[in-house]
Amino acid sequence: MNLGTLIVGPRDHVVAIAELDDTAAAELGPLLR
């Protein structure tokens, strides 16, 4: 990817957003923003 692309990923092994626990899901929105 081009310069400036950043990757966000969960610390735990997760393969889908549907698998995120409540804490990770609550953290994801602000982190992406």
PDB file of all heavy atoms in Angstrom:
ATOM      1  N   MET A   1       0.840  -1.183   0.000  1.00  0.00           N
ATOM      2  CA  MET A   1       0.000   0.000   0.000  1.00  0.00           C
ATOM      3  C   MET A   1       0.885   1.246   0.000  1.00  0.00           C
ATOM      4  O   MET A   1       2.086   1.169   0.218  1.00  0.00           O
ATOM      5  CB  MET A   1      -0.907  -0.001   1.223  1.00  0.00           C
ATOM      6  CG  MET A   1      -1.854  -1.191   1.283  1.00  0.00           C
ATOM      7  SD  MET A   1      -3.109  -1.078   0.023  1.00  0.00           S
ATOM      8  CE  MET A   1      -4.497  -1.650   0.930  1.00  0.00           C
ATOM      9  N   ASN A   2       0.278   2.362  -0.191  1.00  0.00           N
ATOM     10  CA  ASN A   2       1.027   3.605  -0.300  1.00  0.00           C
ATOM     11  C   ASN A   2       1.400   4.182   1.067  1.00  0.00           C
ATOM     12  O   ASN A   2       0.860   3.783   2.103  1.00  0.00           O
ATOM     13  CB  ASN A   2       0.236   4.634  -1.115  1.00  0.00           C
ATOM     14  CG  ASN A   2      -1.149   4.866  -0.563  1.00  0.00           C
ATOM     15  OD1 ASN A   2      -1.929   3.938  -0.410  1.00  0.00           O
ATOM     16  ND2 ASN A   2      -1.475   6.111  -0.265  1.00  0.00           N
ATOM     17  N   LEU A   3       2.348   5.111   1.029  1.00  0.00           N
ATOM     18  CA  LEU A   3       2.808   5.779   2.231  1.00  0.00           C
ATOM     19  C   LEU A   3       1.624   6.411   2.949  1.00  0.00           C
ATOM     20  O   LEU A   3       0.792   7.073   2.336  1.00  0.00           O
ATOM     21  CB  LEU A   3       3.831   6.863   1.877  1.00  0.00           C
ATOM     22  CG  LEU A   3       4.442   7.603   3.056  1.00  0.00           C
ATOM     23  CD1 LEU A   3       5.306   6.652   3.892  1.00  0.00           C
ATOM     24  CD2 LEU A   3       5.263   8.787   2.570  1.00  0.00           C
ATOM     25  N   GLY A   4       1.562   6.187   4.248  1.00  0.00           N
ATOM     26  CA  GLY A   4       0.479   6.740   5.062  1.00  0.00           C
ATOM     27  C   GLY A   4      -0.591   5.734   5.414  1.00  0.00           C
ATOM     28  O   GLY A   4      -1.437   6.004   6.257  1.00  0.00           O
ATOM     29  N   THR A   5      -0.565   4.569   4.791  1.00  0.00           N
ATOM     30  CA  THR A   5      -1.543   3.535   5.120  1.00  0.00           C
ATOM     31  C   THR A   5      -1.191   2.937   6.473  1.00  0.00           C
ATOM     32  O   THR A   5      -0.054   2.554   6.713  1.00  0.00           O
ATOM     33  CB  THR A   5      -1.553   2.420   4.054  1.00  0.00           C
ATOM     34  OG1 THR A   5      -1.886   3.004   2.787  1.00  0.00           O
ATOM     35  CG2 THR A   5      -2.561   1.332   4.398  1.00  0.00           C
ATOM     36  N   LEU A   6      -2.175   2.904   7.351  1.00  0.00           N
ATOM     37  CA  LEU A   6      -2.003   2.303   8.666  1.00  0.00           C
ATOM     38  C   LEU A   6      -2.944   1.116   8.800  1.00  0.00           C
ATOM     39  O   LEU A   6      -4.028   1.115   8.215  1.00  0.00           O
ATOM     40  CB  LEU A   6      -2.285   3.327   9.771  1.00  0.00           C
ATOM     41  CG  LEU A   6      -1.323   4.514   9.814  1.00  0.00           C
ATOM     42  CD1 LEU A   6      -1.783   5.543  10.854  1.00  0.00           C
ATOM     43  CD2 LEU A   6       0.091   4.048  10.113  1.00  0.00           C
ATOM     44  N   ILE A   7      -2.533   0.119   9.551  1.00  0.00           N
ATOM     45  CA  ILE A   7      -3.328  -1.084   9.749  1.00  0.00           C
ATOM     46  C   ILE A   7      -3.720  -1.184  11.217  1.00  0.00           C
ATOM     47  O   ILE A   7      -2.876  -1.076  12.098  1.00  0.00           O
ATOM     48  CB  ILE A   7      -2.557  -2.361   9.332  1.00  0.00           C
ATOM     49  CG1 ILE A   7      -2.073  -2.268   7.890  1.00  0.00           C
ATOM     50  CG2 ILE A   7      -3.400  -3.613   9.574  1.00  0.00           C
ATOM     51  CD1 ILE A   7      -3.156  -2.200   6.844  1.00  0.00           C
ATOM     52  N   VAL A   8      -4.998  -1.396  11.463  1.00  0.00           N
ATOM     53  CA  VAL A   8      -5.520  -1.626  12.808  1.00  0.00           C
ATOM     54  C   VAL A   8      -5.911  -3.089  12.882  1.00  0.00           C
ATOM     55  O   VAL A   8      -6.560  -3.613  11.973  1.00  0.00           O
ATOM     56  CB  VAL A   8      -6.754  -0.729  13.076  1.00  0.00           C
ATOM     57  CG1 VAL A   8      -7.428  -1.103  14.384  1.00  0.00           C
ATOM     58  CG2 VAL A   8      -6.358   0.738  13.068  1.00  0.00           C
ATOM     59  N   GLY A   9      -5.512  -3.744  13.948  1.00  0.00           N
ATOM     60  CA  GLY A   9      -5.874  -5.150  14.135  1.00  0.00           C
ATOM     61  C   GLY A   9      -6.010  -5.465  15.603  1.00  0.00           C
ATOM     62  O   GLY A   9      -5.337  -4.852  16.436  1.00  0.00           O
ATOM     63  N   PRO A  10      -6.871  -6.394  15.940  1.00  0.00           N
ATOM     64  CA  PRO A  10      -7.022  -6.769  17.343  1.00  0.00           C
ATOM     65  C   PRO A  10      -5.786  -7.496  17.863  1.00  0.00           C
ATOM     66  O   PRO A  10      -5.091  -8.168  17.106  1.00  0.00           O
ATOM     67  CB  PRO A  10      -8.242  -7.696  17.340  1.00  0.00           C
ATOM     68  CG  PRO A  10      -8.329  -8.207  15.953  1.00  0.00           C
ATOM     69  CD  PRO A  10      -7.738  -7.159  15.058  1.00  0.00           C
ATOM     70  N   ARG A  11      -5.531  -7.350  19.153  1.00  0.00           N
ATOM     71  CA  ARG A  11      -4.402  -8.048  19.767  1.00  0.00           C
ATOM     72  C   ARG A  11      -4.660  -9.546  19.801  1.00  0.00           C
ATOM     73  O   ARG A  11      -3.767 -10.343  19.587  1.00  0.00           O
ATOM     74  CB  ARG A  11      -4.176  -7.535  21.177  1.00  0.00           C
ATOM     75  CG  ARG A  11      -3.602  -6.149  21.217  1.00  0.00           C
ATOM     76  CD  ARG A  11      -3.272  -5.736  22.641  1.00  0.00           C
ATOM     77  NE  ARG A  11      -2.713  -4.402  22.642  1.00  0.00           N
ATOM     78  CZ  ARG A  11      -3.250  -3.385  23.294  1.00  0.00           C
ATOM     79  NH1 ARG A  11      -4.332  -3.546  24.012  1.00  0.00           N
ATOM     80  NH2 ARG A  11      -2.688  -2.202  23.237  1.00  0.00           N
ATOM     81  N   ASP A  12      -5.894  -9.920  20.114  1.00  0.00           N
ATOM     82  CA  ASP A  12      -6.262 -11.329  20.155  1.00  0.00           C
ATOM     83  C   ASP A  12      -6.541 -11.825  18.745  1.00  0.00           C
ATOM     84  O   ASP A  12      -6.863 -11.036  17.853  1.00  0.00           O
ATOM     85  CB  ASP A  12      -7.515 -11.537  21.023  1.00  0.00           C
ATOM     86  CG  ASP A  12      -7.272 -11.165  22.480  1.00  0.00           C
ATOM     87  OD1 ASP A  12      -6.128 -11.326  22.946  1.00  0.00           O
ATOM     88  OD2 ASP A  12      -8.230 -10.713  23.129  1.00  0.00           O
ATOM     89  N   HIS A  13      -6.441 -13.132  18.555  1.00  0.00           N
ATOM     90  CA  HIS A  13      -6.732 -13.704  17.239  1.00  0.00           C
ATOM     91  C   HIS A  13      -8.236 -13.646  16.987  1.00  0.00           C
ATOM     92  O   HIS A  13      -9.020 -14.309  17.653  1.00  0.00           O
ATOM     93  CB  HIS A  13      -6.244 -15.151  17.142  1.00  0.00           C
ATOM     94  CG  HIS A  13      -6.552 -15.754  15.818  1.00  0.00           C
ATOM     95  ND1 HIS A  13      -5.959 -15.298  14.661  1.00  0.00           N
ATOM     96  CD2 HIS A  13      -7.408 -16.730  15.463  1.00  0.00           C
ATOM     97  CE1 HIS A  13      -6.445 -15.997  13.640  1.00  0.00           C
ATOM     98  NE2 HIS A  13      -7.310 -16.869  14.104  1.00  0.00           N
ATOM     99  N   VAL A  14      -8.612 -12.813  16.038  1.00  0.00           N
ATOM    100  CA  VAL A  14     -10.002 -12.624  15.632  1.00  0.00           C
ATOM    101  C   VAL A  14     -10.006 -12.582  14.115  1.00  0.00           C
ATOM    102  O   VAL A  14      -9.144 -11.955  13.504  1.00  0.00           O
ATOM    103  CB  VAL A  14     -10.573 -11.305  16.201  1.00  0.00           C
ATOM    104  CG1 VAL A  14     -11.962 -11.024  15.698  1.00  0.00           C
ATOM    105  CG2 VAL A  14     -10.547 -11.318  17.721  1.00  0.00           C
ATOM    106  N   VAL A  15     -10.972 -13.235  13.492  1.00  0.00           N
ATOM    107  CA  VAL A  15     -11.007 -13.249  12.033  1.00  0.00           C
ATOM    108  C   VAL A  15     -12.175 -12.443  11.455  1.00  0.00           C
ATOM    109  O   VAL A  15     -12.267 -12.287  10.245  1.00  0.00           O
ATOM    110  CB  VAL A  15     -11.033 -14.691  11.476  1.00  0.00           C
ATOM    111  CG1 VAL A  15      -9.773 -15.440  11.859  1.00  0.00           C
ATOM    112  CG2 VAL A  15     -12.279 -15.432  11.902  1.00  0.00           C
ATOM    113  N   ALA A  16     -13.063 -11.928  12.318  1.00  0.00           N
ATOM    114  CA  ALA A  16     -14.215 -11.171  11.835  1.00  0.00           C
ATOM    115  C   ALA A  16     -14.656 -10.167  12.895  1.00  0.00           C
ATOM    116  O   ALA A  16     -14.506 -10.417  14.097  1.00  0.00           O
ATOM    117  CB  ALA A  16     -15.372 -12.118  11.518  1.00  0.00           C
ATOM    118  N   ILE A  17     -15.197  -9.066  12.464  1.00  0.00           N
ATOM    119  CA  ILE A  17     -15.715  -8.074  13.399  1.00  0.00           C
ATOM    120  C   ILE A  17     -16.784  -8.690  14.287  1.00  0.00           C
ATOM    121  O   ILE A  17     -16.878  -8.381  15.475  1.00  0.00           O
ATOM    122  CB  ILE A  17     -16.236  -6.843  12.631  1.00  0.00           C
ATOM    123  CG1 ILE A  17     -15.039  -6.071  12.063  1.00  0.00           C
ATOM    124  CG2 ILE A  17     -17.080  -5.947  13.531  1.00  0.00           C
ATOM    125  CD1 ILE A  17     -15.380  -4.888  11.212  1.00  0.00           C
ATOM    126  N   ALA A  18     -17.556  -9.606  13.751  1.00  0.00           N
ATOM    127  CA  ALA A  18     -18.612 -10.270  14.528  1.00  0.00           C
ATOM    128  C   ALA A  18     -18.060 -11.043  15.725  1.00  0.00           C
ATOM    129  O   ALA A  18     -18.799 -11.327  16.661  1.00  0.00           O
ATOM    130  CB  ALA A  18     -19.408 -11.210  13.624  1.00  0.00           C
ATOM    131  N   GLU A  19     -16.773 -11.352  15.720  1.00  0.00           N
ATOM    132  CA  GLU A  19     -16.157 -12.096  16.815  1.00  0.00           C
ATOM    133  C   GLU A  19     -15.604 -11.212  17.923  1.00  0.00           C
ATOM    134  O   GLU A  19     -15.147 -11.713  18.947  1.00  0.00           O
ATOM    135  CB  GLU A  19     -15.024 -12.979  16.289  1.00  0.00           C
ATOM    136  CG  GLU A  19     -15.486 -14.109  15.421  1.00  0.00           C
ATOM    137  CD  GLU A  19     -14.326 -14.995  14.983  1.00  0.00           C
ATOM    138  OE1 GLU A  19     -13.162 -14.725  15.347  1.00  0.00           O
ATOM    139  OE2 GLU A  19     -14.596 -15.962  14.269  1.00  0.00           O
ATOM    140  N   LEU A  20     -15.613  -9.899  17.738  1.00  0.00           N
ATOM    141  CA  LEU A  20     -15.055  -9.012  18.757  1.00  0.00           C
ATOM    142  C   LEU A  20     -15.884  -9.088  20.035  1.00  0.00           C
ATOM    143  O   LEU A  20     -17.122  -9.115  19.993  1.00  0.00           O
ATOM    144  CB  LEU A  20     -15.048  -7.567  18.261  1.00  0.00           C
ATOM    145  CG  LEU A  20     -14.132  -7.256  17.088  1.00  0.00           C
ATOM    146  CD1 LEU A  20     -14.363  -5.829  16.602  1.00  0.00           C
ATOM    147  CD2 LEU A  20     -12.679  -7.479  17.449  1.00  0.00           C
ATOM    148  N   ASP A  21     -15.197  -9.088  21.178  1.00  0.00           N
ATOM    149  CA  ASP A  21     -15.943  -9.034  22.438  1.00  0.00           C
ATOM    150  C   ASP A  21     -16.404  -7.590  22.649  1.00  0.00           C
ATOM    151  O   ASP A  21     -16.050  -6.680  21.882  1.00  0.00           O
ATOM    152  CB  ASP A  21     -15.106  -9.564  23.604  1.00  0.00           C
ATOM    153  CG  ASP A  21     -13.868  -8.745  23.907  1.00  0.00           C
ATOM    154  OD1 ASP A  21     -13.834  -7.530  23.619  1.00  0.00           O
ATOM    155  OD2 ASP A  21     -12.907  -9.319  24.458  1.00  0.00           O
ATOM    156  N   ASP A  22     -17.215  -7.362  23.677  1.00  0.00           N
ATOM    157  CA  ASP A  22     -17.800  -6.036  23.899  1.00  0.00           C
ATOM    158  C   ASP A  22     -16.739  -4.960  24.103  1.00  0.00           C
ATOM    159  O   ASP A  22     -16.876  -3.845  23.597  1.00  0.00           O
ATOM    160  CB  ASP A  22     -18.753  -6.066  25.098  1.00  0.00           C
ATOM    161  CG  ASP A  22     -20.022  -6.852  24.813  1.00  0.00           C
ATOM    162  OD1 ASP A  22     -20.305  -7.138  23.626  1.00  0.00           O
ATOM    163  OD2 ASP A  22     -20.736  -7.186  25.779  1.00  0.00           O
ATOM    164  N   THR A  23     -15.680  -5.284  24.830  1.00  0.00           N
ATOM    165  CA  THR A  23     -14.626  -4.305  25.082  1.00  0.00           C
ATOM    166  C   THR A  23     -13.927  -3.918  23.782  1.00  0.00           C
ATOM    167  O   THR A  23     -13.741  -2.729  23.492  1.00  0.00           O
ATOM    168  CB  THR A  23     -13.609  -4.861  26.098  1.00  0.00           C
ATOM    169  OG1 THR A  23     -14.300  -5.162  27.305  1.00  0.00           O
ATOM    170  CG2 THR A  23     -12.499  -3.867  26.363  1.00  0.00           C
ATOM    171  N   ALA A  24     -13.546  -4.903  22.995  1.00  0.00           N
ATOM    172  CA  ALA A  24     -12.860  -4.626  21.730  1.00  0.00           C
ATOM    173  C   ALA A  24     -13.772  -3.856  20.773  1.00  0.00           C
ATOM    174  O   ALA A  24     -13.321  -2.930  20.089  1.00  0.00           O
ATOM    175  CB  ALA A  24     -12.387  -5.923  21.084  1.00  0.00           C
ATOM    176  N   ALA A  25     -15.037  -4.217  20.728  1.00  0.00           N
ATOM    177  CA  ALA A  25     -15.979  -3.523  19.849  1.00  0.00           C
ATOM    178  C   ALA A  25     -16.134  -2.059  20.267  1.00  0.00           C
ATOM    179  O   ALA A  25     -16.179  -1.166  19.415  1.00  0.00           O
ATOM    180  CB  ALA A  25     -17.337  -4.231  19.865  1.00  0.00           C
ATOM    181  N   ALA A  26     -16.189  -1.807  21.580  1.00  0.00           N
ATOM    182  CA  ALA A  26     -16.322  -0.433  22.074  1.00  0.00           C
ATOM    183  C   ALA A  26     -15.065   0.391  21.780  1.00  0.00           C
ATOM    184  O   ALA A  26     -15.155   1.599  21.565  1.00  0.00           O
ATOM    185  CB  ALA A  26     -16.602  -0.446  23.571  1.00  0.00           C
ATOM    186  N   GLU A  27     -13.916  -0.233  21.752  1.00  0.00           N
ATOM    187  CA  GLU A  27     -12.659   0.460  21.478  1.00  0.00           C
ATOM    188  C   GLU A  27     -12.447   0.708  19.986  1.00  0.00           C
ATOM    189  O   GLU A  27     -11.729   1.641  19.604  1.00  0.00           O
ATOM    190  CB  GLU A  27     -11.481  -0.350  22.011  1.00  0.00           C
ATOM    191  CG  GLU A  27     -11.430  -0.432  23.516  1.00  0.00           C
ATOM    192  CD  GLU A  27     -10.372  -1.398  24.038  1.00  0.00           C
ATOM    193  OE1 GLU A  27      -9.777  -2.138  23.220  1.00  0.00           O
ATOM    194  OE2 GLU A  27     -10.141  -1.398  25.257  1.00  0.00           O
ATOM    195  N   LEU A  28     -13.053  -0.117  19.142  1.00  0.00           N
ATOM    196  CA  LEU A  28     -12.772  -0.063  17.709  1.00  0.00           C
ATOM    197  C   LEU A  28     -13.186   1.254  17.058  1.00  0.00           C
ATOM    198  O   LEU A  28     -12.407   1.847  16.307  1.00  0.00           O
ATOM    199  CB  LEU A  28     -13.437  -1.237  16.985  1.00  0.00           C
ATOM    200  CG  LEU A  28     -13.160  -1.336  15.489  1.00  0.00           C
ATOM    201  CD1 LEU A  28     -11.664  -1.485  15.224  1.00  0.00           C
ATOM    202  CD2 LEU A  28     -13.932  -2.511  14.890  1.00  0.00           C
ATOM    203  N   GLY A  29     -14.389   1.733  17.339  1.00  0.00           N
ATOM    204  CA  GLY A  29     -14.863   2.969  16.701  1.00  0.00           C
ATOM    205  C   GLY A  29     -13.945   4.152  16.952  1.00  0.00           C
ATOM    206  O   GLY A  29     -13.470   4.796  16.001  1.00  0.00           O
ATOM    207  N   PRO A  30     -13.676   4.472  18.221  1.00  0.00           N
ATOM    208  CA  PRO A  30     -12.763   5.587  18.486  1.00  0.00           C
ATOM    209  C   PRO A  30     -11.361   5.378  17.908  1.00  0.00           C
ATOM    210  O   PRO A  30     -10.734   6.331  17.436  1.00  0.00           O
ATOM    211  CB  PRO A  30     -12.730   5.669  20.017  1.00  0.00           C
ATOM    212  CG  PRO A  30     -14.039   5.088  20.443  1.00  0.00           C
ATOM    213  CD  PRO A  30     -14.317   3.991  19.448  1.00  0.00           C
ATOM    214  N   LEU A  31     -10.874   4.146  17.933  1.00  0.00           N
ATOM    215  CA  LEU A  31      -9.546   3.866  17.380  1.00  0.00           C
ATOM    216  C   LEU A  31      -9.520   4.111  15.867  1.00  0.00           C
ATOM    217  O   LEU A  31      -8.580   4.722  15.338  1.00  0.00           O
ATOM    218  CB  LEU A  31      -9.115   2.434  17.691  1.00  0.00           C
ATOM    219  CG  LEU A  31      -7.760   2.009  17.128  1.00  0.00           C
ATOM    220  CD1 LEU A  31      -6.640   2.919  17.635  1.00  0.00           C
ATOM    221  CD2 LEU A  31      -7.486   0.558  17.469  1.00  0.00           C
ATOM    222  N   LEU A  32     -10.546   3.659  15.161  1.00  0.00           N
ATOM    223  CA  LEU A  32     -10.606   3.906  13.716  1.00  0.00           C
ATOM    224  C   LEU A  32     -10.721   5.399  13.424  1.00  0.00           C
ATOM    225  O   LEU A  32     -10.063   5.909  12.511  1.00  0.00           O
ATOM    226  CB  LEU A  32     -11.773   3.138  13.090  1.00  0.00           C
ATOM    227  CG  LEU A  32     -11.627   1.622  13.048  1.00  0.00           C
ATOM    228  CD1 LEU A  32     -12.903   0.990  12.500  1.00  0.00           C
ATOM    229  CD2 LEU A  32     -10.417   1.205  12.244  1.00  0.00           C
ATOM    230  N   ARG A  33     -11.560   6.101  14.208  1.00  0.00           N
ATOM    231  CA  ARG A  33     -11.699   7.553  14.021  1.00  0.00           C
ATOM    232  C   ARG A  33     -10.356   8.244  14.222  1.00  0.00           C
ATOM    233  O   ARG A  33      -9.935   9.055  13.396  1.00  0.00           O
ATOM    234  CB  ARG A  33     -12.728   8.104  15.003  1.00  0.00           C
ATOM    235  CG  ARG A  33     -12.895   9.627  14.897  1.00  0.00           C
ATOM    236  CD  ARG A  33     -13.495  10.239  16.138  1.00  0.00           C
ATOM    237  NE  ARG A  33     -12.672   9.900  17.296  1.00  0.00           N
ATOM    238  CZ  ARG A  33     -13.179   9.700  18.506  1.00  0.00           C
ATOM    239  NH1 ARG A  33     -14.477   9.780  18.721  1.00  0.00           N
ATOM    240  NH2 ARG A  33     -12.372   9.418  19.519  1.00  0.00           N
TER     241      ARG A  33
END
